[in-house]
Each structure stands twice: as C-alpha cells, then as structure tokens.
Amino acid sequence: MSPVVVPASEWHERAAAHAARADTLTATWRAARDRGAKHAIEDFLFTYYPTRVGTLRRWHPGPGVVLAGAPERASWRWYRTVATPDGGTGAALDVAAFLAERGDTVRYVRALVDATAARPGTFGCFGLHEWAMVYRDAAAGRDHRHPLPLRLGDAGTDAVVEGHTIGCSHFDAYRFFTPEARDANRLRPTRERQPAMEQPGCLHANMDLYKWALKLGPAVPGDLLLDAFELAREIRWTDMAASPYDVSSYGVEALAIETPEGKAEYVRRQRDYAARSNDLRHRLVAVCDALTGDRPAEG
C-alpha cells in the first residue's frame, strides 16, 4: 500500500494544534510545577509514567505517512528521508528500524491490550486498591503515600478495608498494598500473569494505556497519544476522589465508596471508562498491526 503524503502546510497545522492541546491538558500540572509545588493528583501522570511535557507536545503521524518537506525530522530517531511523488523529499517513520529495536515491545503491547479488550470487565472493586495502600499505616508507624489527611481518619480507613472484599486484578496496584493488606486481596496478580488478568473495568489498566502509547513512541499517532493521556488524567482524578485521602484542597468532592451511593457512582464511571478505554485499545492494536503489516495508521 502506498504511503499517505501530507503536505507541509497541513502537517504543520496539525502539529501546532497538537501542541496546543497538550498544553491545555498539562496546564494544571505545569502551574504547580512552576510554583515549586507538589500536585498529589497529577504528579502521578509524570512520575509513575515518567515523561516530559515536550514529549506530549511532539506530534507524530504514525506509520505509513510521509511528511512532505520535513528535513529536520530526518535526523529524529526512527525517522528516515523518503522521496515524494512530486520529486521532492519527506520524512517518515522508519518501520524496519523501529521494529528492529522495539519489535518485542510492539508484540507484547498488542497481545496485552487485545486480550484485555476481549475480556469482560469487573465492576466491584470500588477503588479499594488505594485504601489497601494505606491500611494499618498508622499502627505500623509508616507515612502515607501522599501528604494528605485521610478523610475518615486512620481507624475509619482501616474499618472500610476490613469491611469489604478486595479483588484487585492489577499487579502494579497490588504491589503497593501494605503488607497487612496483601493477604486480604482475593486475587494474586503477578507481572507474569498480567496479560491473563488485565480487564477493562480496572482504572489502573485503563490509565496504563497512556504508558503503552508512550512505549510505542513515534509509531503512535499524536491524537491517540493525547486521547490516552486525557483519559488517564480523567481517571486519575476519579481514582483520588474515591481514595481514602481528603482531596478537598484540590476542589474535588469525595467519591465516598464506603456508601451505597458512592459505590453506584464509582461503578457508573468504571463502565464509562471501560468502554472508552477499549476504543483506545482497538486503536493501539491497529497501530501495532500497521507496524508489523506495514499498513497506515494515520492520525
């Protein structure tokens, strides 16, 4: 299949719009950073998922697309200079070079996100992973993960954990459980079992789509990267609203999962995130297939 050639004026406009969207999505975090302040909600998006704002601002078209008149991109990693039908030159993703270095990552990401999308969602965890991360911290003399007060206090928080069944399927949440909370989880997620356990009802698995998009670097079209970041950001605010922390200082109303009303709202949001994240999963699979089959994934 012939590559899609994008005129310079068009891709410059798309790149500028992409950078402006990235600036809007990162404005809250950048304002806190510029003040030298921590942001208990959004820091996660830049520490747990280590990246730079500049990475988010940089637009890529994805595989199978040639950017006309882009000599500066020819020196970028995993790009190459190609001839255009009008006798000029352009720049495009060097798929062969990318696969030579990142082929295993492409195959892993495809298998993981495709399997997750095919699996039914689980909607009864109520965000208790965050509660399990602070369970009995006070009794053990440990500091909490965030410098925020607990909304129900130490004893009230422990009581919520003890009054519920925890069913966390996500290894990267489970590994941060306190020692006292690990045995309370009815599941035993591991890194090795991650492809077999991830499910689209999991908020952290859905935030991780941003991580997988980052792992695929310039192979991911810019709109897909920012869509994944935007969803991760929205989920992160819900994650902290449903957590044991008092996040009212950030203007966030608590999602009180210890109440029937809070549980219902949490599940409503979970189902919405599951549907939206699966759309992103299908788009990531298409990118992976475009790489391995050299089919365009324009974005």
Protein backbone atom coordinates (compact mmCIF):
# COMPACT_ATOMS: atom_id res chain seq x y z
CA MET A 1 0.00 0.00 0.00
CA SER A 2 1.35 3.42 -0.96
CA PRO A 3 2.13 5.80 1.91
CA VAL A 4 -0.04 8.83 2.55
CA VAL A 5 1.81 12.06 1.75
CA VAL A 6 0.77 15.02 3.92
CA PRO A 7 1.63 18.50 2.53
CA ALA A 8 3.87 20.66 4.71
CA SER A 9 1.20 23.30 5.35
CA GLU A 10 -1.25 20.65 6.55
CA TRP A 11 1.05 18.77 8.88
CA HIS A 12 2.48 21.97 10.34
CA GLU A 13 -1.07 23.00 11.24
CA ARG A 14 -1.80 19.59 12.76
CA ALA A 15 1.43 19.65 14.75
CA ALA A 16 0.64 23.12 16.12
CA ALA A 17 -2.90 22.10 17.10
CA HIS A 18 -1.49 19.01 18.80
CA ALA A 19 1.00 21.07 20.84
CA ALA A 20 -1.78 23.48 21.87
CA ARG A 21 -3.96 20.58 23.03
CA ALA A 22 -1.07 19.13 25.01
CA ASP A 23 -0.52 22.49 26.68
CA THR A 24 -4.18 22.62 27.70
CA LEU A 25 -4.11 19.10 29.14
CA THR A 26 -0.93 19.74 31.13
CA ALA A 27 -1.73 23.28 32.30
CA THR A 28 -2.71 22.29 35.85
CA TRP A 29 0.40 20.21 36.42
CA ARG A 30 2.71 22.78 34.84
CA ALA A 31 1.28 25.55 37.02
CA ALA A 32 2.02 23.53 40.16
CA ARG A 33 5.50 22.66 38.90
CA ASP A 34 6.27 26.29 38.12
CA ARG A 35 5.28 27.22 41.68
CA GLY A 36 7.58 24.53 43.00
CA ALA A 37 4.54 22.74 44.44
CA LYS A 38 3.62 19.07 44.52
CA HIS A 39 0.31 18.04 42.99
CA ALA A 40 -0.98 14.94 44.76
CA ILE A 41 -3.31 14.09 41.89
CA GLU A 42 -1.46 14.93 38.68
CA ASP A 43 2.17 14.25 39.70
CA PHE A 44 1.34 10.58 39.18
CA LEU A 45 1.00 11.20 35.45
CA PHE A 46 4.58 12.45 35.24
CA THR A 47 6.33 10.29 37.85
CA TYR A 48 4.72 6.86 37.67
CA TYR A 49 4.58 7.40 33.90
CA PRO A 50 7.91 9.20 33.53
CA THR A 51 7.74 11.54 30.57
CA ARG A 52 8.21 15.18 29.69
CA VAL A 53 5.67 17.73 28.55
CA GLY A 54 7.83 18.14 25.44
CA THR A 55 7.18 14.50 24.55
CA LEU A 56 3.43 15.06 24.73
CA ARG A 57 3.70 18.23 22.62
CA ARG A 58 5.55 16.50 19.78
CA TRP A 59 3.16 15.30 17.08
CA HIS A 60 3.81 12.15 15.07
CA PRO A 61 1.66 10.92 12.17
CA GLY A 62 2.27 7.20 12.75
CA PRO A 63 3.43 4.53 10.28
CA GLY A 64 2.67 4.73 6.58
CA VAL A 65 2.59 8.54 6.47
CA VAL A 66 5.13 10.81 4.75
CA LEU A 67 5.53 14.39 5.91
CA ALA A 68 6.43 16.46 2.88
CA GLY A 69 9.25 18.94 3.27
CA ALA A 70 10.38 17.87 6.73
CA PRO A 71 14.19 17.79 6.57
CA GLU A 72 14.52 18.38 10.32
CA ARG A 73 12.67 15.15 11.08
CA ALA A 74 15.06 13.04 9.07
CA SER A 75 17.53 13.33 11.97
CA TRP A 76 14.95 12.27 14.56
CA ARG A 77 15.22 8.80 15.98
CA TRP A 78 13.36 6.19 13.91
CA TYR A 79 12.68 8.59 11.02
CA ARG A 80 14.11 8.41 7.51
CA THR A 81 14.12 10.55 4.38
CA VAL A 82 11.90 9.32 1.55
CA ALA A 83 11.12 10.56 -1.95
CA THR A 84 7.67 12.04 -2.62
CA PRO A 85 5.68 11.57 -5.87
CA ASP A 86 6.27 15.20 -6.89
CA GLY A 87 10.03 14.66 -6.97
CA GLY A 88 10.64 16.19 -3.57
CA THR A 89 11.50 14.59 -0.28
CA GLY A 90 9.77 14.00 3.00
CA ALA A 91 10.24 12.21 6.30
CA ALA A 92 8.51 9.07 7.52
CA LEU A 93 8.75 6.57 10.32
CA ASP A 94 11.44 4.00 9.58
CA VAL A 95 9.30 0.97 10.36
CA ALA A 96 12.08 -1.55 9.80
CA ALA A 97 14.45 0.26 12.16
CA PHE A 98 11.71 0.71 14.73
CA LEU A 99 10.78 -2.97 14.68
CA ALA A 100 14.43 -3.98 14.89
CA GLU A 101 14.68 -2.14 18.23
CA ARG A 102 11.12 -2.28 19.54
CA GLY A 103 9.59 -5.31 17.87
CA ASP A 104 9.25 -7.25 21.11
CA THR A 105 7.51 -4.26 22.70
CA VAL A 106 5.11 -3.98 19.76
CA ARG A 107 4.17 -7.64 20.03
CA TYR A 108 3.78 -7.51 23.82
CA VAL A 109 1.62 -4.38 23.76
CA ARG A 110 -0.59 -5.81 21.03
CA ALA A 111 -1.11 -9.10 22.84
CA LEU A 112 -1.82 -7.41 26.17
CA VAL A 113 -4.27 -4.75 25.02
CA ASP A 114 -6.07 -7.08 22.61
CA ALA A 115 -6.57 -9.71 25.32
CA THR A 116 -7.74 -7.06 27.78
CA ALA A 117 -10.29 -5.66 25.36
CA ALA A 118 -11.70 -9.14 24.75
CA ARG A 119 -12.14 -9.86 28.44
CA PRO A 120 -15.32 -8.88 30.34
CA GLY A 121 -14.92 -6.01 32.77
CA THR A 122 -15.13 -6.46 36.53
CA PHE A 123 -17.04 -3.71 38.30
CA GLY A 124 -16.99 -4.48 42.01
CA CYS A 125 -13.59 -3.37 43.27
CA PHE A 126 -14.80 0.16 44.25
CA GLY A 127 -11.28 1.58 44.14
CA LEU A 128 -10.24 -0.23 47.31
CA HIS A 129 -6.68 -0.57 45.99
CA GLU A 130 -5.92 2.95 47.22
CA TRP A 131 -7.31 2.08 50.63
CA ALA A 132 -5.22 -1.08 50.77
CA MET A 133 -2.12 1.03 50.14
CA VAL A 134 -2.56 2.84 53.48
CA TYR A 135 -4.12 0.04 55.53
CA ARG A 136 -2.71 -0.01 59.08
CA ASP A 137 -0.02 2.51 58.20
CA ALA A 138 -0.60 4.36 61.46
CA ALA A 139 -0.29 1.23 63.59
CA ALA A 140 2.95 0.32 61.84
CA GLY A 141 4.37 3.84 62.10
CA ARG A 142 4.55 4.30 58.34
CA ASP A 143 3.96 7.51 56.39
CA HIS A 144 1.18 7.56 53.83
CA ARG A 145 1.97 7.68 50.12
CA HIS A 146 0.59 11.21 49.82
CA PRO A 147 0.99 14.11 52.29
CA LEU A 148 -2.77 14.47 52.66
CA PRO A 149 -5.06 13.71 55.61
CA LEU A 150 -7.26 10.64 55.48
CA ARG A 151 -10.89 11.58 55.01
CA LEU A 152 -12.13 9.05 57.62
CA GLY A 153 -9.01 9.04 59.77
CA ASP A 154 -6.76 6.03 60.34
CA ALA A 155 -9.25 3.89 62.24
CA GLY A 156 -12.09 4.70 59.85
CA THR A 157 -9.94 3.88 56.83
CA ASP A 158 -8.88 0.55 58.29
CA ALA A 159 -12.51 -0.27 59.06
CA VAL A 160 -13.51 0.28 55.40
CA VAL A 161 -10.80 -2.14 54.25
CA GLU A 162 -11.83 -4.72 56.84
CA GLY A 163 -15.49 -4.38 55.90
CA HIS A 164 -15.04 -5.14 52.23
CA THR A 165 -13.77 -7.90 49.98
CA ILE A 166 -10.81 -6.66 47.95
CA GLY A 167 -10.50 -8.01 44.40
CA CYS A 168 -7.65 -6.10 42.76
CA SER A 169 -6.51 -7.64 39.45
CA HIS A 170 -3.79 -5.13 38.63
CA PHE A 171 -0.26 -6.07 39.64
CA ASP A 172 1.12 -2.52 39.64
CA ALA A 173 -1.53 -1.51 42.16
CA TYR A 174 -1.32 -4.69 44.22
CA ARG A 175 2.45 -4.40 44.65
CA PHE A 176 1.92 -1.17 46.61
CA PHE A 177 -0.51 -2.74 49.10
CA THR A 178 0.69 -2.61 52.67
CA PRO A 179 1.95 -5.97 53.98
CA GLU A 180 -1.16 -6.28 56.15
CA ALA A 181 -3.48 -5.76 53.15
CA ARG A 182 -1.91 -8.17 50.67
CA ASP A 183 -3.50 -11.29 52.10
CA ALA A 184 -6.89 -9.56 52.09
CA ASN A 185 -6.86 -9.44 48.29
CA ARG A 186 -8.73 -12.46 46.92
CA LEU A 187 -6.61 -12.31 43.74
CA ARG A 188 -2.85 -12.76 43.38
CA PRO A 189 -1.77 -10.70 40.37
CA THR A 190 1.83 -11.08 39.21
CA ARG A 191 3.87 -9.47 36.45
CA GLU A 192 3.97 -12.77 34.58
CA ARG A 193 0.19 -13.18 34.76
CA GLN A 194 -0.57 -9.59 33.77
CA PRO A 195 -1.66 -10.40 30.19
CA ALA A 196 -4.06 -13.02 31.58
CA MET A 197 -5.50 -10.85 34.36
CA GLU A 198 -5.89 -7.33 32.97
CA GLN A 199 -9.54 -6.38 32.45
CA PRO A 200 -11.19 -3.21 31.14
CA GLY A 201 -13.02 -2.40 34.37
CA CYS A 202 -9.70 -1.68 36.09
CA LEU A 203 -8.96 2.03 36.40
CA HIS A 204 -5.20 1.45 36.53
CA ALA A 205 -5.20 -0.82 33.49
CA ASN A 206 -7.04 1.92 31.63
CA MET A 207 -4.60 4.61 32.75
CA ASP A 208 -1.80 2.33 31.60
CA LEU A 209 -2.93 2.73 28.01
CA TYR A 210 -1.07 6.03 28.17
CA LYS A 211 2.05 4.08 29.20
CA TRP A 212 1.69 1.66 26.29
CA ALA A 213 1.23 4.55 23.87
CA LEU A 214 4.43 6.10 25.20
CA LYS A 215 6.25 2.78 24.81
CA LEU A 216 5.43 2.82 21.10
CA GLY A 217 6.94 6.30 20.74
CA PRO A 218 6.71 7.92 17.30
CA ALA A 219 4.75 4.96 15.95
CA VAL A 220 1.68 6.24 17.79
CA PRO A 221 -0.29 8.97 16.01
CA GLY A 222 -0.45 12.17 18.03
CA ASP A 223 -4.20 12.16 18.55
CA LEU A 224 -4.06 8.66 20.03
CA LEU A 225 -1.30 9.62 22.45
CA LEU A 226 -3.21 12.64 23.73
CA ASP A 227 -6.51 10.73 23.86
CA ALA A 228 -4.79 8.15 26.07
CA PHE A 229 -3.27 10.87 28.25
CA GLU A 230 -6.59 12.71 28.54
CA LEU A 231 -8.40 9.55 29.65
CA ALA A 232 -5.61 8.69 32.12
CA ARG A 233 -5.83 12.19 33.57
CA GLU A 234 -9.60 11.99 33.99
CA ILE A 235 -9.35 8.56 35.59
CA ARG A 236 -6.63 9.75 37.94
CA TRP A 237 -8.92 12.45 39.34
CA THR A 238 -11.62 9.82 39.93
CA ASP A 239 -9.04 7.48 41.46
CA MET A 240 -8.09 10.08 44.04
CA ALA A 241 -11.68 11.22 44.63
CA ALA A 242 -12.52 7.60 45.53
CA SER A 243 -9.39 7.17 47.61
CA PRO A 244 -9.18 7.43 51.40
CA TYR A 245 -7.44 10.80 51.10
CA ASP A 246 -9.13 14.13 51.70
CA VAL A 247 -8.61 15.86 48.34
CA SER A 248 -10.96 18.75 49.04
CA SER A 249 -7.96 21.12 48.92
CA TYR A 250 -7.89 20.41 45.17
CA GLY A 251 -11.55 21.30 44.78
CA VAL A 252 -12.53 17.66 44.49
CA GLU A 253 -15.68 16.26 46.06
CA ALA A 254 -15.11 12.87 47.67
CA LEU A 255 -16.49 9.83 45.89
CA ALA A 256 -17.46 8.05 49.11
CA ILE A 257 -17.15 4.41 48.08
CA GLU A 258 -17.98 3.29 51.62
CA THR A 259 -21.61 4.32 50.93
CA PRO A 260 -24.17 2.71 48.55
CA GLU A 261 -24.44 5.97 46.62
CA GLY A 262 -20.67 6.22 46.25
CA LYS A 263 -20.40 2.63 45.09
CA ALA A 264 -23.07 3.21 42.44
CA GLU A 265 -21.32 6.30 41.13
CA TYR A 266 -17.96 4.53 41.08
CA VAL A 267 -19.39 1.67 39.01
CA ARG A 268 -21.07 4.13 36.64
CA ARG A 269 -17.74 5.81 35.97
CA GLN A 270 -15.96 2.46 35.76
CA ARG A 271 -18.28 1.28 32.99
CA ASP A 272 -17.80 4.51 31.07
CA TYR A 273 -14.01 4.25 31.36
CA ALA A 274 -14.13 0.60 30.28
CA ALA A 275 -15.95 1.46 27.05
CA ARG A 276 -13.71 4.42 26.27
CA SER A 277 -10.52 2.55 27.09
CA ASN A 278 -11.48 -0.35 24.84
CA ASP A 279 -11.83 2.09 21.96
CA LEU A 280 -8.24 3.17 22.65
CA ARG A 281 -7.16 -0.47 22.86
CA HIS A 282 -8.56 -1.18 19.41
CA ARG A 283 -6.71 1.84 18.04
CA LEU A 284 -3.45 0.70 19.64
CA VAL A 285 -3.91 -2.76 18.15
CA ALA A 286 -4.39 -1.11 14.75
CA VAL A 287 -1.10 0.76 15.20
CA CYS A 288 0.70 -2.47 16.07
CA ASP A 289 -0.80 -4.18 13.03
CA ALA A 290 0.19 -1.26 10.82
CA LEU A 291 3.77 -1.68 12.04
CA THR A 292 4.01 -5.40 11.55
CA GLY A 293 1.95 -5.42 8.36
CA ASP A 294 3.14 -2.03 7.09
CA ARG A 295 -0.41 -0.70 6.87
CA PRO A 296 -1.01 3.01 7.60
CA ALA A 297 -2.43 4.10 10.96
CA GLU A 298 -2.91 7.75 10.14
CA GLY A 299 -3.79 10.13 12.98
